[in-house]
C-alpha atoms as a PDB file:
ATOM      1  CA  MET A   1     -17.505  -6.714  -8.165  1.00  0.00           C
ATOM      2  CA  ALA A   2     -15.593  -4.257  -7.278  1.00  0.00           C
ATOM      3  CA  VAL A   3     -13.297  -4.467  -4.360  1.00  0.00           C
ATOM      4  CA  TYR A   4     -11.843  -1.839  -1.561  1.00  0.00           C
ATOM      5  CA  PHE A   5      -8.616  -1.658  -1.217  1.00  0.00           C
ATOM      6  CA  LEU A   6      -6.542   1.684   0.471  1.00  0.00           C
ATOM      7  CA  ASN A   7      -3.135   0.729   2.249  1.00  0.00           C
ATOM      8  CA  LEU A   8      -1.023   3.331   4.167  1.00  0.00           C
ATOM      9  CA  LYS A   9       2.907   2.942   4.241  1.00  0.00           C
ATOM     10  CA  THR A  10       5.419   5.457   5.263  1.00  0.00           C
ATOM     11  CA  PHE A  11       9.127   5.694   4.419  1.00  0.00           C
ATOM     12  CA  GLY A  12      11.734   6.372   6.966  1.00  0.00           C
ATOM     13  CA  ARG A  13      15.397   6.545   7.099  1.00  0.00           C
ATOM     14  CA  SER A  14      15.319   3.869   9.905  1.00  0.00           C
ATOM     15  CA  GLY A  15      13.945   1.536   7.658  1.00  0.00           C
ATOM     16  CA  GLY A  16      16.471   2.362   5.085  1.00  0.00           C
ATOM     17  CA  SER A  17      13.821   3.921   2.807  1.00  0.00           C
ATOM     18  CA  SER A  18      14.468   6.080   0.494  1.00  0.00           C
ATOM     19  CA  ALA A  19      12.136   8.155  -1.365  1.00  0.00           C
ATOM     20  CA  VAL A  20      13.925   8.714  -4.538  1.00  0.00           C
ATOM     21  CA  SER A  21      14.092   5.136  -4.910  1.00  0.00           C
ATOM     22  CA  ALA A  22      10.444   4.743  -4.099  1.00  0.00           C
ATOM     23  CA  ALA A  23       9.308   7.808  -6.984  1.00  0.00           C
ATOM     24  CA  ALA A  24      11.692   5.655  -9.485  1.00  0.00           C
ATOM     25  CA  TYR A  25      10.168   2.878  -8.884  1.00  0.00           C
ATOM     26  CA  ARG A  26       6.518   3.752  -9.149  1.00  0.00           C
ATOM     27  CA  SER A  27       7.312   6.015 -12.270  1.00  0.00           C
ATOM     28  CA  GLY A  28       9.263   4.021 -14.287  1.00  0.00           C
ATOM     29  CA  GLU A  29      12.232   6.258 -14.442  1.00  0.00           C
ATOM     30  CA  ARG A  30      15.889   6.629 -13.751  1.00  0.00           C
ATOM     31  CA  ILE A  31      16.607   9.155 -11.193  1.00  0.00           C
ATOM     32  CA  ARG A  32      20.029   9.801  -9.037  1.00  0.00           C
ATOM     33  CA  ASP A  33      19.414   9.783  -5.134  1.00  0.00           C
ATOM     34  CA  GLU A  34      21.748  12.962  -4.735  1.00  0.00           C
ATOM     35  CA  ARG A  35      22.289  12.550  -0.926  1.00  0.00           C
ATOM     36  CA  THR A  36      23.488   8.736  -1.444  1.00  0.00           C
ATOM     37  CA  GLY A  37      24.979   8.645  -4.833  1.00  0.00           C
ATOM     38  CA  LYS A  38      23.138   5.783  -6.000  1.00  0.00           C
ATOM     39  CA  THR A  39      20.880   5.814  -9.152  1.00  0.00           C
ATOM     40  CA  TYR A  40      17.885   3.784  -9.309  1.00  0.00           C
ATOM     41  CA  ASP A  41      16.890   2.844 -12.860  1.00  0.00           C
ATOM     42  CA  HIS A  42      13.475   1.492 -13.470  1.00  0.00           C
ATOM     43  CA  THR A  43      12.940   2.412 -17.140  1.00  0.00           C
ATOM     44  CA  ASP A  44      12.423  -1.070 -18.728  1.00  0.00           C
ATOM     45  CA  ARG A  45       8.804  -1.257 -16.407  1.00  0.00           C
ATOM     46  CA  GLN A  46       6.193  -2.112 -18.734  1.00  0.00           C
ATOM     47  CA  ASP A  47       3.131  -1.483 -16.441  1.00  0.00           C
ATOM     48  CA  VAL A  48       2.808   2.012 -15.893  1.00  0.00           C
ATOM     49  CA  LEU A  49      -0.307   3.950 -17.439  1.00  0.00           C
ATOM     50  CA  HIS A  50       0.076   7.453 -15.935  1.00  0.00           C
ATOM     51  CA  LYS A  51       2.072   9.594 -13.990  1.00  0.00           C
ATOM     52  CA  GLU A  52       1.873  12.960 -12.914  1.00  0.00           C
ATOM     53  CA  ILE A  53       2.954  15.409  -9.738  1.00  0.00           C
ATOM     54  CA  LEU A  54      -0.307  17.135  -8.364  1.00  0.00           C
ATOM     55  CA  VAL A  55       0.004  19.991  -6.044  1.00  0.00           C
ATOM     56  CA  PRO A  56      -2.233  22.171  -3.888  1.00  0.00           C
ATOM     57  CA  SER A  57      -4.729  24.014  -6.339  1.00  0.00           C
ATOM     58  CA  ARG A  58      -4.696  27.222  -4.555  1.00  0.00           C
ATOM     59  CA  PHE A  59      -1.415  27.490  -6.638  1.00  0.00           C
ATOM     60  CA  ALA A  60      -0.679  27.954 -10.305  1.00  0.00           C
ATOM     61  CA  PRO A  61       0.839  25.116 -12.140  1.00  0.00           C
ATOM     62  CA  ALA A  62       4.067  27.728 -13.306  1.00  0.00           C
ATOM     63  CA  GLU A  63       4.298  28.590  -8.997  1.00  0.00           C
ATOM     64  CA  LEU A  64       5.303  25.588  -8.096  1.00  0.00           C
ATOM     65  CA  SER A  65       7.178  23.911 -11.579  1.00  0.00           C
ATOM     66  CA  TRP A  66      10.371  22.963  -9.204  1.00  0.00           C
ATOM     67  CA  ALA A  67       7.633  20.550  -7.893  1.00  0.00           C
ATOM     68  CA  LYS A  68       6.746  19.068 -11.030  1.00  0.00           C
ATOM     69  CA  ASP A  69       9.804  17.625 -11.833  1.00  0.00           C
ATOM     70  CA  ARG A  70      10.187  14.340 -10.441  1.00  0.00           C
ATOM     71  CA  ALA A  71      13.853  14.005  -9.475  1.00  0.00           C
ATOM     72  CA  ASN A  72      13.891  17.732  -8.396  1.00  0.00           C
ATOM     73  CA  LEU A  73      11.153  16.821  -5.976  1.00  0.00           C
ATOM     74  CA  TRP A  74      12.355  13.950  -4.242  1.00  0.00           C
ATOM     75  CA  ASN A  75      15.855  14.934  -3.823  1.00  0.00           C
ATOM     76  CA  GLN A  76      14.468  18.140  -2.079  1.00  0.00           C
ATOM     77  CA  ALA A  77      12.206  15.684  -0.031  1.00  0.00           C
ATOM     78  CA  GLU A  78      15.001  13.847   1.133  1.00  0.00           C
ATOM     79  CA  GLY A  79      17.630  16.449   1.566  1.00  0.00           C
ATOM     80  CA  ALA A  80      15.068  18.414   3.882  1.00  0.00           C
ATOM     81  CA  GLU A  81      15.449  15.842   6.382  1.00  0.00           C
ATOM     82  CA  SER A  82      18.798  15.862   8.973  1.00  0.00           C
ATOM     83  CA  ARG A  83      17.808  13.372  11.033  1.00  0.00           C
ATOM     84  CA  LYS A  84      18.785   9.396  10.917  1.00  0.00           C
ATOM     85  CA  ASN A  85      15.141   8.813  11.832  1.00  0.00           C
ATOM     86  CA  ALA A  86      13.238  10.996   9.761  1.00  0.00           C
ATOM     87  CA  ARG A  87       9.918  10.000   8.000  1.00  0.00           C
ATOM     88  CA  VAL A  88      10.605  10.999   4.152  1.00  0.00           C
ATOM     89  CA  ALA A  89       7.644  10.268   2.082  1.00  0.00           C
ATOM     90  CA  ARG A  90       4.156   8.726   2.611  1.00  0.00           C
ATOM     91  CA  GLU A  91       1.929   6.812   0.408  1.00  0.00           C
ATOM     92  CA  TYR A  92      -1.348   5.734  -0.459  1.00  0.00           C
ATOM     93  CA  LEU A  93      -2.115   2.378  -2.339  1.00  0.00           C
ATOM     94  CA  VAL A  94      -5.329   2.237  -3.828  1.00  0.00           C
ATOM     95  CA  ALA A  95      -7.275  -0.500  -6.200  1.00  0.00           C
ATOM     96  CA  LEU A  96      -9.107   1.183  -9.386  1.00  0.00           C
ATOM     97  CA  PRO A  97     -12.399  -0.800  -9.928  1.00  0.00           C
ATOM     98  CA  VAL A  98     -11.695  -2.974 -13.056  1.00  0.00           C
ATOM     99  CA  GLU A  99     -15.647  -2.189 -13.639  1.00  0.00           C
ATOM    100  CA  LEU A 100     -14.344   1.441 -14.806  1.00  0.00           C
ATOM    101  CA  ASP A 101     -12.865   2.134 -18.241  1.00  0.00           C
ATOM    102  CA  ALA A 102      -9.280   3.448 -18.099  1.00  0.00           C
ATOM    103  CA  ARG A 103     -10.175   7.141 -18.507  1.00  0.00           C
ATOM    104  CA  GLN A 104     -12.445   7.030 -15.456  1.00  0.00           C
ATOM    105  CA  ARG A 105      -9.881   5.115 -13.355  1.00  0.00           C
ATOM    106  CA  LEU A 106      -7.666   7.865 -13.990  1.00  0.00           C
ATOM    107  CA  GLU A 107     -10.148  10.495 -13.210  1.00  0.00           C
ATOM    108  CA  LEU A 108     -10.759   8.845  -9.985  1.00  0.00           C
ATOM    109  CA  ALA A 109      -7.232   8.433  -8.888  1.00  0.00           C
ATOM    110  CA  ARG A 110      -6.145  12.125  -9.951  1.00  0.00           C
ATOM    111  CA  GLY A 111      -9.331  13.351  -8.345  1.00  0.00           C
ATOM    112  CA  PHE A 112      -8.394  11.936  -4.664  1.00  0.00           C
ATOM    113  CA  SER A 113      -4.738  12.572  -5.303  1.00  0.00           C
ATOM    114  CA  GLN A 114      -5.925  16.055  -6.115  1.00  0.00           C
ATOM    115  CA  GLU A 115      -8.555  16.246  -2.516  1.00  0.00           C
ATOM    116  CA  LEU A 116      -5.349  14.763  -0.512  1.00  0.00           C
ATOM    117  CA  SER A 117      -3.009  17.546  -1.648  1.00  0.00           C
ATOM    118  CA  ASP A 118      -5.718  20.125  -1.430  1.00  0.00           C
ATOM    119  CA  ARG A 119      -6.091  18.854   2.395  1.00  0.00           C
ATOM    120  CA  TYR A 120      -2.657  18.560   3.578  1.00  0.00           C
ATOM    121  CA  GLN A 121      -0.519  20.881   1.217  1.00  0.00           C
ATOM    122  CA  PHE A 122       1.971  18.318   0.143  1.00  0.00           C
ATOM    123  CA  ALA A 123       2.713  17.301  -3.238  1.00  0.00           C
ATOM    124  CA  VAL A 124       1.325  14.072  -4.646  1.00  0.00           C
ATOM    125  CA  ASP A 125       3.302  11.828  -7.015  1.00  0.00           C
ATOM    126  CA  LEU A 126       0.280   9.907  -8.940  1.00  0.00           C
ATOM    127  CA  ALA A 127       1.514   6.645 -10.569  1.00  0.00           C
ATOM    128  CA  VAL A 128      -1.020   4.574 -12.199  1.00  0.00           C
ATOM    129  CA  HIS A 129      -0.160   0.941 -12.841  1.00  0.00           C
ATOM    130  CA  ALA A 130      -1.457  -2.228 -15.028  1.00  0.00           C
ATOM    131  CA  PRO A 131      -1.875  -5.604 -13.739  1.00  0.00           C
ATOM    132  CA  ARG A 132       1.333  -7.262 -13.144  1.00  0.00           C
ATOM    133  CA  GLU A 133       2.135 -10.329 -16.214  1.00  0.00           C
ATOM    134  CA  TYR A 134       3.067 -13.293 -13.911  1.00  0.00           C
ATOM    135  CA  PRO A 135       2.173 -16.531 -12.716  1.00  0.00           C
ATOM    136  CA  GLY A 136      -0.609 -15.768  -9.877  1.00  0.00           C
ATOM    137  CA  SER A 137      -1.057 -12.388 -10.172  1.00  0.00           C
ATOM    138  CA  ASP A 138      -4.705 -10.968 -10.887  1.00  0.00           C
ATOM    139  CA  PRO A 139      -5.656  -9.426 -14.353  1.00  0.00           C
ATOM    140  CA  ARG A 140      -7.845  -7.125 -12.284  1.00  0.00           C
ATOM    141  CA  ASN A 141      -5.122  -5.678 -10.278  1.00  0.00           C
ATOM    142  CA  PHE A 142      -5.410  -2.098 -11.848  1.00  0.00           C
ATOM    143  CA  HIS A 143      -4.225   0.144  -8.821  1.00  0.00           C
ATOM    144  CA  ALA A 144      -2.197   3.557  -8.345  1.00  0.00           C
ATOM    145  CA  HIS A 145       0.186   4.445  -5.979  1.00  0.00           C
ATOM    146  CA  LEU A 146       0.355   7.979  -4.410  1.00  0.00           C
ATOM    147  CA  LEU A 147       3.734   8.986  -3.113  1.00  0.00           C
ATOM    148  CA  ALA A 148       3.128  12.363  -0.619  1.00  0.00           C
ATOM    149  CA  THR A 149       5.640  14.451   0.781  1.00  0.00           C
ATOM    150  CA  THR A 150       5.811  14.990   4.741  1.00  0.00           C
ATOM    151  CA  ARG A 151       6.137  18.824   4.166  1.00  0.00           C
ATOM    152  CA  GLU A 152       4.360  21.332   2.655  1.00  0.00           C
ATOM    153  CA  VAL A 153       5.062  22.963  -0.458  1.00  0.00           C
ATOM    154  CA  THR A 154       5.634  26.602  -0.920  1.00  0.00           C
ATOM    155  CA  ARG A 155       6.487  28.529  -4.225  1.00  0.00           C
ATOM    156  CA  GLU A 156      10.263  28.376  -2.687  1.00  0.00           C
ATOM    157  CA  GLY A 157      10.157  24.567  -1.619  1.00  0.00           C
ATOM    158  CA  LEU A 158       9.558  22.695   0.918  1.00  0.00           C
ATOM    159  CA  ALA A 159       8.553  24.001   3.976  1.00  0.00           C
ATOM    160  CA  ALA A 160       7.246  22.696   7.559  1.00  0.00           C
ATOM    161  CA  LYS A 161       5.593  19.350   8.089  1.00  0.00           C
ATOM    162  CA  THR A 162       2.244  18.850   7.469  1.00  0.00           C
ATOM    163  CA  ALA A 163      -0.023  18.132  10.309  1.00  0.00           C
ATOM    164  CA  LEU A 164      -0.171  14.476   9.636  1.00  0.00           C
ATOM    165  CA  GLU A 165       3.458  14.338  10.643  1.00  0.00           C
ATOM    166  CA  LEU A 166       2.873  16.007  14.082  1.00  0.00           C
ATOM    167  CA  SER A 167       2.149  14.014  17.580  1.00  0.00           C
ATOM    168  CA  ASP A 168      -0.972  13.887  19.030  1.00  0.00           C
ATOM    169  CA  GLY A 169       0.517  15.980  21.422  1.00  0.00           C
ATOM    170  CA  LYS A 170       1.332  18.797  19.240  1.00  0.00           C
ATOM    171  CA  ARG A 171      -2.059  18.180  17.245  1.00  0.00           C
ATOM    172  CA  ARG A 172      -3.970  18.848  20.628  1.00  0.00           C
ATOM    173  CA  GLU A 173      -2.400  22.341  21.235  1.00  0.00           C
ATOM    174  CA  LEU A 174      -3.655  23.070  17.576  1.00  0.00           C
ATOM    175  CA  GLY A 175      -7.418  21.599  18.337  1.00  0.00           C
ATOM    176  CA  LEU A 176      -7.018  19.095  15.723  1.00  0.00           C
ATOM    177  CA  LYS A 177      -8.007  15.256  16.714  1.00  0.00           C
ATOM    178  CA  PRO A 178      -5.634  12.232  16.913  1.00  0.00           C
ATOM    179  CA  VAL A 179      -3.631  11.682  13.591  1.00  0.00           C
ATOM    180  CA  VAL A 180      -5.886   8.297  13.311  1.00  0.00           C
ATOM    181  CA  HIS A 181      -9.009  10.003  12.542  1.00  0.00           C
ATOM    182  CA  GLU A 182      -7.149  11.375   9.238  1.00  0.00           C
ATOM    183  CA  LEU A 183      -6.778   7.862   8.334  1.00  0.00           C
ATOM    184  CA  LEU A 184     -10.226   7.251   8.627  1.00  0.00           C
ATOM    185  CA  HIS A 185     -11.436   9.840   7.186  1.00  0.00           C
ATOM    186  CA  VAL A 186      -9.059   9.253   4.117  1.00  0.00           C
ATOM    187  CA  ARG A 187     -10.358   5.914   4.128  1.00  0.00           C
ATOM    188  CA  GLU A 188     -14.004   6.514   4.070  1.00  0.00           C
ATOM    189  CA  ARG A 189     -13.489   9.341   1.746  1.00  0.00           C
ATOM    190  CA  TRP A 190     -12.080   6.628  -1.042  1.00  0.00           C
ATOM    191  CA  ALA A 191     -15.017   4.454  -0.587  1.00  0.00           C
ATOM    192  CA  THR A 192     -17.309   7.276  -0.937  1.00  0.00           C
ATOM    193  CA  VAL A 193     -15.383   8.676  -4.240  1.00  0.00           C
ATOM    194  CA  THR A 194     -14.891   5.584  -5.793  1.00  0.00           C
ATOM    195  CA  ASN A 195     -18.675   4.593  -5.488  1.00  0.00           C
ATOM    196  CA  GLN A 196     -19.381   8.007  -7.100  1.00  0.00           C
ATOM    197  CA  ALA A 197     -17.263   7.420  -9.594  1.00  0.00           C
ATOM    198  CA  LEU A 198     -19.019   3.679 -10.671  1.00  0.00           C
ATOM    199  CA  GLU A 199     -22.255   5.084 -10.120  1.00  0.00           C
ATOM    200  CA  VAL A 200     -21.275   7.546 -12.648  1.00  0.00           C
ATOM    201  CA  ALA A 201     -20.359   5.163 -14.993  1.00  0.00           C
ATOM    202  CA  HIS A 202     -23.906   3.299 -14.449  1.00  0.00           C
ATOM    203  CA  VAL A 203     -21.971   0.616 -12.580  1.00  0.00           C
ATOM    204  CA  ASP A 204     -23.955  -1.352  -9.619  1.00  0.00           C
ATOM    205  CA  ALA A 205     -21.309  -2.509  -7.862  1.00  0.00           C
ATOM    206  CA  ARG A 206     -20.071  -0.341  -4.872  1.00  0.00           C
ATOM    207  CA  VAL A 207     -17.108  -0.550  -2.149  1.00  0.00           C
ATOM    208  CA  ASP A 208     -16.977  -0.412   1.184  1.00  0.00           C
ATOM    209  CA  HIS A 209     -14.634   0.684   3.652  1.00  0.00           C
ATOM    210  CA  ARG A 210     -16.272  -0.766   6.973  1.00  0.00           C
ATOM    211  CA  THR A 211     -14.506  -3.867   8.709  1.00  0.00           C
ATOM    212  CA  LEU A 212     -16.645  -7.187   7.318  1.00  0.00           C
ATOM    213  CA  ALA A 213     -18.284  -7.206  11.056  1.00  0.00           C
ATOM    214  CA  ALA A 214     -19.593  -3.431  10.582  1.00  0.00           C
ATOM    215  CA  GLN A 215     -21.343  -4.501   7.291  1.00  0.00           C
ATOM    216  CA  GLY A 216     -22.878  -7.484   8.779  1.00  0.00           C
ATOM    217  CA  ILE A 217     -21.080 -10.158   6.086  1.00  0.00           C
ATOM    218  CA  ASP A 218     -20.223 -13.162   8.320  1.00  0.00           C
ATOM    219  CA  ARG A 219     -16.912 -14.296   6.773  1.00  0.00           C
ATOM    220  CA  GLU A 220     -13.325 -14.519   7.843  1.00  0.00           C
ATOM    221  CA  PRO A 221     -11.177 -12.067   6.184  1.00  0.00           C
ATOM    222  CA  TYR A 222      -8.763 -13.378   4.006  1.00  0.00           C
ATOM    223  CA  PRO A 223      -4.995 -13.891   5.452  1.00  0.00           C
ATOM    224  CA  TYR A 224      -1.891 -11.325   4.745  1.00  0.00           C
ATOM    225  CA  ILE A 225       0.938 -12.466   3.104  1.00  0.00           C
ATOM    226  CA  SER A 226       4.218 -10.404   3.860  1.00  0.00           C
ATOM    227  CA  ARG A 227       6.171  -9.002   1.226  1.00  0.00           C
ATOM    228  CA  ALA A 228       8.781 -11.586   2.218  1.00  0.00           C
ATOM    229  CA  ALA A 229       6.675 -14.550   1.819  1.00  0.00           C
ATOM    230  CA  PHE A 230       4.967 -13.058  -1.298  1.00  0.00           C
ATOM    231  CA  GLU A 231       8.205 -12.509  -3.238  1.00  0.00           C
ATOM    232  CA  MET A 232       9.533 -16.039  -2.464  1.00  0.00           C
ATOM    233  CA  GLU A 233       6.099 -17.597  -3.664  1.00  0.00           C
ATOM    234  CA  ARG A 234       6.088 -15.660  -6.260  1.00  0.00           C
ATOM    235  CA  HIS A 235       9.728 -17.111  -7.642  1.00  0.00           C
ATOM    236  CA  GLY A 236       8.552 -20.056  -6.717  1.00  0.00           C
ATOM    237  CA  TYR A 237      10.058 -21.091  -3.319  1.00  0.00           C
ATOM    238  CA  ARG A 238       7.843 -21.819  -0.545  1.00  0.00           C
ATOM    239  CA  SER A 239       7.121 -19.854   2.279  1.00  0.00           C
ATOM    240  CA  ALA A 240       6.700 -20.908   6.100  1.00  0.00           C
ATOM    241  CA  GLU A 241       5.114 -17.994   7.139  1.00  0.00           C
ATOM    242  CA  GLY A 242       3.112 -18.048   4.244  1.00  0.00           C
ATOM    243  CA  ASP A 243       2.237 -21.645   4.725  1.00  0.00           C
ATOM    244  CA  ARG A 244       1.600 -20.936   8.501  1.00  0.00           C
ATOM    245  CA  ARG A 245      -0.827 -18.518   7.939  1.00  0.00           C
ATOM    246  CA  ARG A 246      -3.439 -19.924   5.377  1.00  0.00           C
ATOM    247  CA  SER A 247      -3.149 -22.921   8.122  1.00  0.00           C
ATOM    248  CA  GLU A 248      -4.411 -20.554  10.138  1.00  0.00           C
ATOM    249  CA  TYR A 249      -7.034 -19.016   7.914  1.00  0.00           C
ATOM    250  CA  GLU A 250      -8.373 -22.525   7.224  1.00  0.00           C
ATOM    251  CA  SER A 251      -9.292 -23.367  10.987  1.00  0.00           C
ATOM    252  CA  ARG A 252     -10.512 -20.289  11.319  1.00  0.00           C
ATOM    253  CA  VAL A 253     -13.201 -21.230   8.510  1.00  0.00           C
ATOM    254  CA  GLN A 254     -13.693 -24.353   9.724  1.00  0.00           C
ATOM    255  CA  ALA A 255     -14.212 -23.285  13.035  1.00  0.00           C
ATOM    256  CA  ARG A 256     -16.856 -20.982  12.108  1.00  0.00           C
ATOM    257  CA  GLU A 257     -18.570 -23.354   9.559  1.00  0.00           C
ATOM    258  CA  GLN A 258     -18.860 -25.995  12.540  1.00  0.00           C
ATOM    259  CA  SER A 259     -20.537 -23.051  14.225  1.00  0.00           C
ATOM    260  CA  ARG A 260     -22.967 -22.282  11.784  1.00  0.00           C
ATOM    261  CA  LEU A 261     -23.655 -25.986  11.242  1.00  0.00           C
ATOM    262  CA  GLN A 262     -24.348 -26.454  14.842  1.00  0.00           C
ATOM    263  CA  GLY A 263     -26.787 -23.315  15.246  1.00  0.00           C
ATOM    264  CA  ALA A 264     -28.606 -24.495  12.215  1.00  0.00           C
ATOM    265  CA  ARG A 265     -29.485 -28.080  13.972  1.00  0.00           C
ATOM    266  CA  LEU A 266     -30.485 -26.291  17.203  1.00  0.00           C
ATOM    267  CA  GLU A 267     -32.782 -24.310  15.334  1.00  0.00           C
ATOM    268  CA  ARG A 268     -34.052 -27.188  12.929  1.00  0.00           C
ATOM    269  CA  ASP A 269     -34.613 -29.077  16.492  1.00  0.00           C
ATOM    270  CA  GLY A 270     -35.689 -26.627  18.793  1.00  0.00           C
ATOM    271  CA  ALA A 271     -33.176 -27.314  21.070  1.00  0.00           C
ATOM    272  CA  GLU A 272     -32.317 -25.029  23.712  1.00  0.00           C
ATOM    273  CA  PRO A 273     -29.058 -22.832  22.720  1.00  0.00           C
ATOM    274  CA  VAL A 274     -26.291 -24.149  24.756  1.00  0.00           C
ATOM    275  CA  ALA A 275     -22.669 -22.157  24.668  1.00  0.00           C
ATOM    276  CA  PRO A 276     -20.871 -22.543  21.547  1.00  0.00           C
ATOM    277  CA  GLU A 277     -18.266 -25.366  20.990  1.00  0.00           C
ATOM    278  CA  PRO A 278     -14.889 -24.541  21.342  1.00  0.00           C
ATOM    279  CA  ALA A 279     -13.103 -23.822  18.269  1.00  0.00           C
ATOM    280  CA  ALA A 280     -11.420 -26.612  16.164  1.00  0.00           C
ATOM    281  CA  ARG A 281      -7.642 -26.979  16.736  1.00  0.00           C
ATOM    282  CA  PRO A 282      -5.177 -26.005  14.148  1.00  0.00           C
ATOM    283  CA  ALA A 283      -3.775 -29.611  12.596  1.00  0.00           C
ATOM    284  CA  PHE A 284      -0.508 -27.558  12.661  1.00  0.00           C
ATOM    285  CA  LYS A 285       1.804 -27.520  15.782  1.00  0.00           C
ATOM    286  CA  PRO A 286       1.373 -23.993  17.399  1.00  0.00           C
ATOM    287  CA  LEU A 287       4.442 -21.739  17.375  1.00  0.00           C
ATOM    288  CA  ASN A 288       5.826 -20.058  19.768  1.00  0.00           C
ATOM    289  CA  LEU A 289       6.962 -16.428  19.600  1.00  0.00           C
ATOM    290  CA  GLU A 290      10.652 -17.246  18.650  1.00  0.00           C
ATOM    291  CA  GLU A 291      10.107 -19.775  16.370  1.00  0.00           C
ATOM    292  CA  VAL A 292       7.211 -17.130  14.654  1.00  0.00           C
ATOM    293  CA  ARG A 293      10.318 -14.782  14.496  1.00  0.00           C
ATOM    294  CA  ARG A 294      12.935 -17.117  13.390  1.00  0.00           C
ATOM    295  CA  GLN A 295      10.744 -18.094  10.194  1.00  0.00           C
ATOM    296  CA  ALA A 296      10.036 -14.874   9.351  1.00  0.00           C
ATOM    297  CA  ARG A 297      14.176 -14.103   9.613  1.00  0.00           C
ATOM    298  CA  GLU A 298      14.891 -17.119   7.506  1.00  0.00           C
ATOM    299  CA  ASP A 299      11.576 -16.155   5.342  1.00  0.00           C
ATOM    300  CA  TRP A 300      13.474 -12.748   4.849  1.00  0.00           C
ATOM    301  CA  LEU A 301      17.086 -13.712   4.594  1.00  0.00           C
ATOM    302  CA  ARG A 302      15.938 -16.051   1.350  1.00  0.00           C
ATOM    303  CA  HIS A 303      14.232 -13.225   0.026  1.00  0.00           C
ATOM    304  CA  ARG A 304      16.973 -11.077   0.283  1.00  0.00           C
ATOM    305  CA  SER A 305      19.195 -13.751  -1.241  1.00  0.00           C
ATOM    306  CA  ILE A 306      16.496 -13.929  -4.570  1.00  0.00           C
ATOM    307  CA  SER A 307      16.405 -10.303  -5.306  1.00  0.00           C
ATOM    308  CA  ALA A 308      20.030 -10.199  -4.816  1.00  0.00           C
ATOM    309  CA  GLU A 309      20.039 -12.835  -7.390  1.00  0.00           C
ATOM    310  CA  THR A 310      17.479 -11.194  -9.588  1.00  0.00           C
ATOM    311  CA  SER A 311      19.117  -7.754 -10.107  1.00  0.00           C
ATOM    312  CA  ARG A 312      22.607  -8.767 -10.865  1.00  0.00           C
ATOM    313  CA  GLY A 313      23.463  -8.315 -14.172  1.00  0.00           C
ATOM    314  CA  THR A 314      20.268  -6.054 -15.021  1.00  0.00           C
ATOM    315  CA  ASP A 315      21.645  -2.491 -13.724  1.00  0.00           C
ATOM    316  CA  LYS A 316      21.786   0.196 -16.326  1.00  0.00           C
ATOM    317  CA  ALA A 317      23.219   2.630 -14.738  1.00  0.00           C
ATOM    318  CA  SER A 318      26.856   3.414 -15.638  1.00  0.00           C
ATOM    319  CA  GLY A 319      28.904   6.271 -14.293  1.00  0.00           C
ATOM    320  CA  ALA A 320      28.254   6.881 -10.918  1.00  0.00           C
ATOM    321  CA  GLU A 321      27.899   4.451  -8.318  1.00  0.00           C
ATOM    322  CA  ALA A 322      24.048   2.506  -9.443  1.00  0.00           C
ATOM    323  CA  SER A 323      22.010   0.673  -7.341  1.00  0.00           C
ATOM    324  CA  ARG A 324      18.695  -1.428  -8.787  1.00  0.00           C
ATOM    325  CA  VAL A 325      16.326  -2.227  -5.396  1.00  0.00           C
ATOM    326  CA  ALA A 326      13.725  -5.060  -5.671  1.00  0.00           C
ATOM    327  CA  PRO A 327      10.560  -3.567  -5.861  1.00  0.00           C
ATOM    328  CA  GLU A 328       9.013  -2.694  -2.537  1.00  0.00           C
ATOM    329  CA  ARG A 329       5.594  -4.167  -1.687  1.00  0.00           C
ATOM    330  CA  SER A 330       2.987  -3.413   1.303  1.00  0.00           C
ATOM    331  CA  LYS A 331       0.758  -5.448  -0.657  1.00  0.00           C
ATOM    332  CA  ASP A 332       2.291  -3.939  -3.276  1.00  0.00           C
ATOM    333  CA  ASP A 333       2.006  -4.424  -6.851  1.00  0.00           C
ATOM    334  CA  GLY A 334       0.380  -8.362  -6.226  1.00  0.00           C
ATOM    335  CA  PHE A 335      -1.984  -7.820  -3.866  1.00  0.00           C
ATOM    336  CA  SER A 336      -5.247 -10.211  -4.567  1.00  0.00           C
ATOM    337  CA  LEU A 337      -8.596  -8.992  -5.745  1.00  0.00           C
END
């Protein structure tokens, strides 16, 4: 069955993110960050099926040739920001239906990228990826990264920040709704265009952007495992956070099943409805906030250590200082389907 997935991620200086690094990783290219002097080399990637940069359709391709150069575009995006907490890029990560063929998946991702570019007047660096080949990877995990500038593009270069970057107060002055409405709109549009593509391909499956409760589905949502915990487990290590989240999920599933069975017994016996039994307590010892923070920090430090060991000896760049960063993940290249 087709699966709905759209995740929004932002890249900012305060978090140590680099738009150049993100673009190099997603496109599988070697790009030098002119601001920091670091070179990011990801030319060994074998899973990049397609990459291209889309700009607002009101411009002729030749008019924005500067933006079609990936290194130039993202170095300009970095150079346009002076604040130490500036946001330099935002990304829409979407799951592509395995029910579609390669051409149909590309057309879907490209059409959605163009729609976003026209709506917000930014450049979109599209990269379509195949499923990764490592233990635990889902072979249905075709997905696309839509890396977008935070500034509008013009013939001369990057201009003002897009409406997405404005505060809600400023948006109100311009007669716009709070920015959360833009995310809700984009989530709904992705479901709509995906279902249109499935219909055209004569596939019965459909996706839905709404919550399980809104769809009338009585099921616990699957637990979210953070990037640090995911990377640790992918390298064969146990993660305290991953174990905890899965244990909490199993407890919620068991409590829901007990409630369902109780309701079935009452209906069968014709008994009067009674207040539901308290949810079963987790089998594990509850953690306080400090313990959760400590475990998360330990997981992250171990993840950083693993990443450092993995990256040593793999850097290919020579001459200027090179930097090979660990893959960034926000339910990124390993989200479950």
